[in-house]
Amino acid sequence: GSLRLSCEVSGATMNSYGIGWFRQAPGLEREF
């Protein structure tokens, strides 16, 4: 299947920021 996640940024415009996604499965390290 497919899924779309959203990341809403507030407090500043995101034009000056790189945005990364990471994930963490149970018992594992967080990964890029």
All heavy atoms as atom14 arrays in JSON, in Angstrom:
{
  "sequence": "GSLRLSCEVSGATMNSYGIGWFRQAPGLEREF",
  "atom14_mask": [
    [1, 1, 1, 1, 0, 0, 0, 0, 0, 0, 0, 0, 0, 0],
    [1, 1, 1, 1, 1, 1, 0, 0, 0, 0, 0, 0, 0, 0],
    [1, 1, 1, 1, 1, 1, 1, 1, 0, 0, 0, 0, 0, 0],
    [1, 1, 1, 1, 1, 1, 1, 1, 1, 1, 1, 0, 0, 0],
    [1, 1, 1, 1, 1, 1, 1, 1, 0, 0, 0, 0, 0, 0],
    [1, 1, 1, 1, 1, 1, 0, 0, 0, 0, 0, 0, 0, 0],
    [1, 1, 1, 1, 1, 1, 0, 0, 0, 0, 0, 0, 0, 0],
    [1, 1, 1, 1, 1, 1, 1, 1, 1, 0, 0, 0, 0, 0],
    [1, 1, 1, 1, 1, 1, 1, 0, 0, 0, 0, 0, 0, 0],
    [1, 1, 1, 1, 1, 1, 0, 0, 0, 0, 0, 0, 0, 0],
    [1, 1, 1, 1, 0, 0, 0, 0, 0, 0, 0, 0, 0, 0],
    [1, 1, 1, 1, 1, 0, 0, 0, 0, 0, 0, 0, 0, 0],
    [1, 1, 1, 1, 1, 1, 1, 0, 0, 0, 0, 0, 0, 0],
    [1, 1, 1, 1, 1, 1, 1, 1, 0, 0, 0, 0, 0, 0],
    [1, 1, 1, 1, 1, 1, 1, 1, 0, 0, 0, 0, 0, 0],
    [1, 1, 1, 1, 1, 1, 0, 0, 0, 0, 0, 0, 0, 0],
    [1, 1, 1, 1, 1, 1, 1, 1, 1, 1, 1, 1, 0, 0],
    [1, 1, 1, 1, 0, 0, 0, 0, 0, 0, 0, 0, 0, 0],
    [1, 1, 1, 1, 1, 1, 1, 1, 0, 0, 0, 0, 0, 0],
    [1, 1, 1, 1, 0, 0, 0, 0, 0, 0, 0, 0, 0, 0],
    [1, 1, 1, 1, 1, 1, 1, 1, 1, 1, 1, 1, 1, 1],
    [1, 1, 1, 1, 1, 1, 1, 1, 1, 1, 1, 0, 0, 0],
    [1, 1, 1, 1, 1, 1, 1, 1, 1, 1, 1, 0, 0, 0],
    [1, 1, 1, 1, 1, 1, 1, 1, 1, 0, 0, 0, 0, 0],
    [1, 1, 1, 1, 1, 0, 0, 0, 0, 0, 0, 0, 0, 0],
    [1, 1, 1, 1, 1, 1, 1, 0, 0, 0, 0, 0, 0, 0],
    [1, 1, 1, 1, 0, 0, 0, 0, 0, 0, 0, 0, 0, 0],
    [1, 1, 1, 1, 1, 1, 1, 1, 0, 0, 0, 0, 0, 0],
    [1, 1, 1, 1, 1, 1, 1, 1, 1, 0, 0, 0, 0, 0],
    [1, 1, 1, 1, 1, 1, 1, 1, 1, 1, 1, 0, 0, 0],
    [1, 1, 1, 1, 1, 1, 1, 1, 1, 0, 0, 0, 0, 0],
    [1, 1, 1, 1, 1, 1, 1, 1, 1, 1, 1, 0, 0, 0]
  ],
  "atom14_positions": [
    [[0.8, -1.22, 0.0], [0.0, 0.0, 0.0], [0.84, 1.26, 0.0], [2.07, 1.23, 0.0], [0.0, 0.0, 0.0], [0.0, 0.0, 0.0], [0.0, 0.0, 0.0], [0.0, 0.0, 0.0], [0.0, 0.0, 0.0], [0.0, 0.0, 0.0], [0.0, 0.0, 0.0], [0.0, 0.0, 0.0], [0.0, 0.0, 0.0], [0.0, 0.0, 0.0]],
    [[0.13, 2.39, 0.02], [0.77, 3.7, 0.0], [0.26, 4.54, 1.16], [-0.85, 4.32, 1.68], [0.45, 4.43, -1.31], [0.98, 3.74, -2.42], [0.0, 0.0, 0.0], [0.0, 0.0, 0.0], [0.0, 0.0, 0.0], [0.0, 0.0, 0.0], [0.0, 0.0, 0.0], [0.0, 0.0, 0.0], [0.0, 0.0, 0.0], [0.0, 0.0, 0.0]],
    [[1.07, 5.51, 1.53], [0.72, 6.39, 2.63], [1.47, 7.69, 2.43], [2.6, 7.7, 1.92], [1.12, 5.75, 3.95], [0.47, 6.23, 5.24], [-1.04, 6.03, 5.2], [1.07, 5.47, 6.43], [0.0, 0.0, 0.0], [0.0, 0.0, 0.0], [0.0, 0.0, 0.0], [0.0, 0.0, 0.0], [0.0, 0.0, 0.0], [0.0, 0.0, 0.0]],
    [[0.84, 8.79, 2.84], [1.54, 10.07, 2.79], [1.55, 10.69, 4.19], [0.5, 10.88, 4.8], [0.87, 11.05, 1.82], [1.7, 12.32, 1.61], [1.06, 13.28, 0.63], [-0.02, 14.04, 1.24], [-0.53, 15.16, 0.71], [-0.06, 15.61, -0.43], [-1.52, 15.79, 1.32], [0.0, 0.0, 0.0], [0.0, 0.0, 0.0], [0.0, 0.0, 0.0]],
    [[2.74, 10.98, 4.66], [2.91, 11.66, 5.94], [3.11, 13.15, 5.7], [3.66, 13.55, 4.68], [4.12, 11.1, 6.7], [4.15, 9.59, 6.94], [5.38, 9.22, 7.77], [2.88, 9.1, 7.6], [0.0, 0.0, 0.0], [0.0, 0.0, 0.0], [0.0, 0.0, 0.0], [0.0, 0.0, 0.0], [0.0, 0.0, 0.0], [0.0, 0.0, 0.0]],
    [[2.67, 13.93, 6.67], [2.85, 15.38, 6.61], [3.69, 15.85, 7.79], [3.62, 15.27, 8.88], [1.5, 16.1, 6.65], [0.69, 15.74, 5.57], [0.0, 0.0, 0.0], [0.0, 0.0, 0.0], [0.0, 0.0, 0.0], [0.0, 0.0, 0.0], [0.0, 0.0, 0.0], [0.0, 0.0, 0.0], [0.0, 0.0, 0.0], [0.0, 0.0, 0.0]],
    [[4.45, 16.88, 7.57], [5.24, 17.51, 8.62], [4.97, 19.02, 8.53], [5.44, 19.67, 7.6], [6.72, 17.23, 8.43], [7.82, 18.11, 9.56], [0.0, 0.0, 0.0], [0.0, 0.0, 0.0], [0.0, 0.0, 0.0], [0.0, 0.0, 0.0], [0.0, 0.0, 0.0], [0.0, 0.0, 0.0], [0.0, 0.0, 0.0], [0.0, 0.0, 0.0]],
    [[4.2, 19.51, 9.46], [3.86, 20.93, 9.48], [4.89, 21.69, 10.3], [5.16, 21.35, 11.46], [2.47, 21.15, 10.06], [2.01, 22.58, 10.01], [0.6, 22.77, 10.54], [-0.09, 21.75, 10.75], [0.19, 23.92, 10.73], [0.0, 0.0, 0.0], [0.0, 0.0, 0.0], [0.0, 0.0, 0.0], [0.0, 0.0, 0.0], [0.0, 0.0, 0.0]],
    [[5.49, 22.69, 9.69], [6.55, 23.47, 10.33], [5.98, 24.82, 10.78], [5.3, 25.49, 10.01], [7.71, 23.7, 9.35], [8.82, 24.51, 10.02], [8.25, 22.36, 8.86], [0.0, 0.0, 0.0], [0.0, 0.0, 0.0], [0.0, 0.0, 0.0], [0.0, 0.0, 0.0], [0.0, 0.0, 0.0], [0.0, 0.0, 0.0], [0.0, 0.0, 0.0]],
    [[6.25, 25.2, 12.01], [5.79, 26.48, 12.51], [6.91, 27.15, 13.29], [7.89, 26.52, 13.67], [4.54, 26.32, 13.38], [4.81, 25.49, 14.49], [0.0, 0.0, 0.0], [0.0, 0.0, 0.0], [0.0, 0.0, 0.0], [0.0, 0.0, 0.0], [0.0, 0.0, 0.0], [0.0, 0.0, 0.0], [0.0, 0.0, 0.0], [0.0, 0.0, 0.0]],
    [[6.76, 28.43, 13.53], [7.77, 29.18, 14.26], [8.75, 29.89, 13.37], [9.47, 30.79, 13.82], [0.0, 0.0, 0.0], [0.0, 0.0, 0.0], [0.0, 0.0, 0.0], [0.0, 0.0, 0.0], [0.0, 0.0, 0.0], [0.0, 0.0, 0.0], [0.0, 0.0, 0.0], [0.0, 0.0, 0.0], [0.0, 0.0, 0.0], [0.0, 0.0, 0.0]],
    [[8.82, 29.5, 12.12], [9.69, 30.12, 11.14], [9.34, 29.54, 9.78], [8.74, 28.47, 9.7], [11.16, 29.87, 11.45], [0.0, 0.0, 0.0], [0.0, 0.0, 0.0], [0.0, 0.0, 0.0], [0.0, 0.0, 0.0], [0.0, 0.0, 0.0], [0.0, 0.0, 0.0], [0.0, 0.0, 0.0], [0.0, 0.0, 0.0], [0.0, 0.0, 0.0]],
    [[9.72, 30.26, 8.74], [9.5, 29.68, 7.42], [10.53, 28.59, 7.21], [11.65, 28.65, 7.72], [9.64, 30.75, 6.33], [10.96, 31.26, 6.36], [8.64, 31.88, 6.54], [0.0, 0.0, 0.0], [0.0, 0.0, 0.0], [0.0, 0.0, 0.0], [0.0, 0.0, 0.0], [0.0, 0.0, 0.0], [0.0, 0.0, 0.0], [0.0, 0.0, 0.0]],
    [[10.17, 27.6, 6.45], [11.08, 26.48, 6.27], [12.02, 26.69, 5.09], [12.79, 25.79, 4.76], [10.29, 25.18, 6.11], [9.37, 25.14, 4.92], [8.45, 23.59, 4.89], [7.74, 23.72, 3.25], [0.0, 0.0, 0.0], [0.0, 0.0, 0.0], [0.0, 0.0, 0.0], [0.0, 0.0, 0.0], [0.0, 0.0, 0.0], [0.0, 0.0, 0.0]],
    [[11.96, 27.87, 4.49], [12.8, 28.12, 3.32], [14.3, 28.08, 3.64], [15.12, 27.93, 2.73], [12.47, 29.48, 2.71], [11.09, 29.5, 2.11], [10.48, 28.47, 1.92], [10.59, 30.69, 1.82], [0.0, 0.0, 0.0], [0.0, 0.0, 0.0], [0.0, 0.0, 0.0], [0.0, 0.0, 0.0], [0.0, 0.0, 0.0], [0.0, 0.0, 0.0]],
    [[14.66, 28.23, 4.9], [16.06, 28.21, 5.27], [16.5, 26.89, 5.89], [17.62, 26.78, 6.39], [16.34, 29.33, 6.28], [16.07, 30.59, 5.73], [0.0, 0.0, 0.0], [0.0, 0.0, 0.0], [0.0, 0.0, 0.0], [0.0, 0.0, 0.0], [0.0, 0.0, 0.0], [0.0, 0.0, 0.0], [0.0, 0.0, 0.0], [0.0, 0.0, 0.0]],
    [[15.62, 25.91, 5.83], [15.9, 24.67, 6.53], [15.84, 23.47, 5.6], [14.93, 23.35, 4.77], [14.89, 24.46, 7.66], [15.03, 25.44, 8.79], [14.4, 26.68, 8.74], [15.82, 25.15, 9.9], [14.54, 27.59, 9.76], [15.97, 26.05, 10.93], [15.32, 27.27, 10.85], [15.47, 28.17, 11.87], [0.0, 0.0, 0.0], [0.0, 0.0, 0.0]],
    [[16.8, 22.6, 5.79], [16.69, 21.28, 5.22], [15.78, 20.46, 6.12], [15.83, 20.59, 7.34], [0.0, 0.0, 0.0], [0.0, 0.0, 0.0], [0.0, 0.0, 0.0], [0.0, 0.0, 0.0], [0.0, 0.0, 0.0], [0.0, 0.0, 0.0], [0.0, 0.0, 0.0], [0.0, 0.0, 0.0], [0.0, 0.0, 0.0], [0.0, 0.0, 0.0]],
    [[14.94, 19.64, 5.53], [14.01, 18.82, 6.3], [14.32, 17.35, 6.03], [14.36, 16.91, 4.87], [12.55, 19.1, 5.92], [12.21, 20.6, 6.12], [11.61, 18.21, 6.74], [12.23, 21.06, 7.55], [0.0, 0.0, 0.0], [0.0, 0.0, 0.0], [0.0, 0.0, 0.0], [0.0, 0.0, 0.0], [0.0, 0.0, 0.0], [0.0, 0.0, 0.0]],
    [[14.51, 16.62, 7.08], [14.8, 15.2, 6.97], [13.71, 14.35, 7.59], [12.98, 14.81, 8.47], [0.0, 0.0, 0.0], [0.0, 0.0, 0.0], [0.0, 0.0, 0.0], [0.0, 0.0, 0.0], [0.0, 0.0, 0.0], [0.0, 0.0, 0.0], [0.0, 0.0, 0.0], [0.0, 0.0, 0.0], [0.0, 0.0, 0.0], [0.0, 0.0, 0.0]],
    [[13.59, 13.15, 7.11], [12.7, 12.15, 7.69], [13.55, 11.0, 8.21], [14.44, 10.5, 7.51], [11.71, 11.63, 6.64], [10.63, 12.6, 6.26], [10.67, 13.5, 5.23], [9.37, 12.78, 6.89], [9.51, 14.22, 5.19], [8.68, 13.79, 6.19], [8.72, 12.19, 7.98], [7.4, 14.22, 6.55], [7.45, 12.61, 8.33], [6.8, 13.61, 7.62]],
    [[13.22, 10.58, 9.42], [13.87, 9.45, 10.05], [12.79, 8.5, 10.56], [11.63, 8.89, 10.69], [14.73, 9.92, 11.24], [15.9, 10.78, 10.85], [15.72, 12.12, 10.51], [17.17, 10.25, 10.81], [16.8, 12.91, 10.13], [18.26, 11.04, 10.44], [18.07, 12.36, 10.11], [0.0, 0.0, 0.0], [0.0, 0.0, 0.0], [0.0, 0.0, 0.0]],
    [[13.18, 7.28, 10.85], [12.21, 6.34, 11.41], [12.9, 5.44, 12.42], [14.11, 5.23, 12.37], [11.56, 5.48, 10.31], [12.52, 4.54, 9.61], [11.83, 3.86, 8.43], [12.73, 2.92, 7.74], [12.44, 2.32, 6.6], [11.27, 2.55, 5.99], [13.3, 1.5, 6.05], [0.0, 0.0, 0.0], [0.0, 0.0, 0.0], [0.0, 0.0, 0.0]],
    [[12.08, 4.92, 13.33], [12.6, 4.03, 14.35], [11.63, 2.89, 14.58], [10.47, 3.12, 14.95], [12.85, 4.78, 15.66], [13.54, 3.95, 16.71], [14.0, 4.78, 17.89], [13.49, 5.86, 18.16], [15.0, 4.28, 18.61], [0.0, 0.0, 0.0], [0.0, 0.0, 0.0], [0.0, 0.0, 0.0], [0.0, 0.0, 0.0], [0.0, 0.0, 0.0]],
    [[12.12, 1.68, 14.37], [11.34, 0.48, 14.66], [11.63, 0.04, 16.08], [12.7, 0.35, 16.64], [11.71, -0.62, 13.67], [0.0, 0.0, 0.0], [0.0, 0.0, 0.0], [0.0, 0.0, 0.0], [0.0, 0.0, 0.0], [0.0, 0.0, 0.0], [0.0, 0.0, 0.0], [0.0, 0.0, 0.0], [0.0, 0.0, 0.0], [0.0, 0.0, 0.0]],
    [[10.71, -0.7, 16.71], [10.92, -1.15, 18.09], [12.22, -1.93, 18.22], [12.51, -2.83, 17.44], [9.7, -2.04, 18.34], [8.66, -1.54, 17.42], [9.39, -1.1, 16.19], [0.0, 0.0, 0.0], [0.0, 0.0, 0.0], [0.0, 0.0, 0.0], [0.0, 0.0, 0.0], [0.0, 0.0, 0.0], [0.0, 0.0, 0.0], [0.0, 0.0, 0.0]],
    [[13.02, -1.56, 19.22], [14.24, -2.27, 19.48], [15.41, -1.91, 18.58], [16.51, -2.47, 18.74], [0.0, 0.0, 0.0], [0.0, 0.0, 0.0], [0.0, 0.0, 0.0], [0.0, 0.0, 0.0], [0.0, 0.0, 0.0], [0.0, 0.0, 0.0], [0.0, 0.0, 0.0], [0.0, 0.0, 0.0], [0.0, 0.0, 0.0], [0.0, 0.0, 0.0]],
    [[15.19, -1.01, 17.65], [16.25, -0.64, 16.7], [16.61, 0.83, 16.84], [15.84, 1.62, 17.4], [15.81, -0.93, 15.27], [15.51, -2.39, 14.93], [15.08, -2.51, 13.48], [16.7, -3.28, 15.21], [0.0, 0.0, 0.0], [0.0, 0.0, 0.0], [0.0, 0.0, 0.0], [0.0, 0.0, 0.0], [0.0, 0.0, 0.0], [0.0, 0.0, 0.0]],
    [[17.76, 1.17, 16.3], [18.19, 2.56, 16.29], [17.35, 3.36, 15.3], [16.86, 2.81, 14.29], [19.66, 2.64, 15.86], [20.63, 1.92, 16.76], [21.07, 2.8, 17.91], [21.25, 4.01, 17.7], [21.22, 2.26, 19.02], [0.0, 0.0, 0.0], [0.0, 0.0, 0.0], [0.0, 0.0, 0.0], [0.0, 0.0, 0.0], [0.0, 0.0, 0.0]],
    [[17.21, 4.62, 15.57], [16.56, 5.49, 14.6], [17.44, 5.59, 13.36], [18.68, 5.68, 13.47], [16.32, 6.87, 15.21], [15.48, 7.77, 14.34], [14.82, 8.87, 15.16], [15.78, 9.69, 15.89], [15.41, 10.63, 16.77], [14.13, 10.86, 17.01], [16.32, 11.33, 17.4], [0.0, 0.0, 0.0], [0.0, 0.0, 0.0], [0.0, 0.0, 0.0]],
    [[16.81, 5.56, 12.19], [17.57, 5.58, 10.95], [17.05, 6.64, 10.01], [15.87, 7.0, 10.01], [17.52, 4.21, 10.25], [16.14, 3.79, 9.78], [16.15, 2.48, 9.0], [17.23, 1.9, 8.79], [15.05, 2.05, 8.6], [0.0, 0.0, 0.0], [0.0, 0.0, 0.0], [0.0, 0.0, 0.0], [0.0, 0.0, 0.0], [0.0, 0.0, 0.0]],
    [[17.96, 7.1, 9.19], [17.63, 8.11, 8.18], [16.8, 7.49, 7.07], [17.03, 6.34, 6.66], [18.93, 8.67, 7.61], [18.75, 9.54, 6.41], [18.31, 10.84, 6.54], [19.02, 9.04, 5.14], [18.15, 11.65, 5.42], [18.86, 9.84, 4.02], [18.42, 11.14, 4.16], [0.0, 0.0, 0.0], [0.0, 0.0, 0.0], [0.0, 0.0, 0.0]]
  ]
}
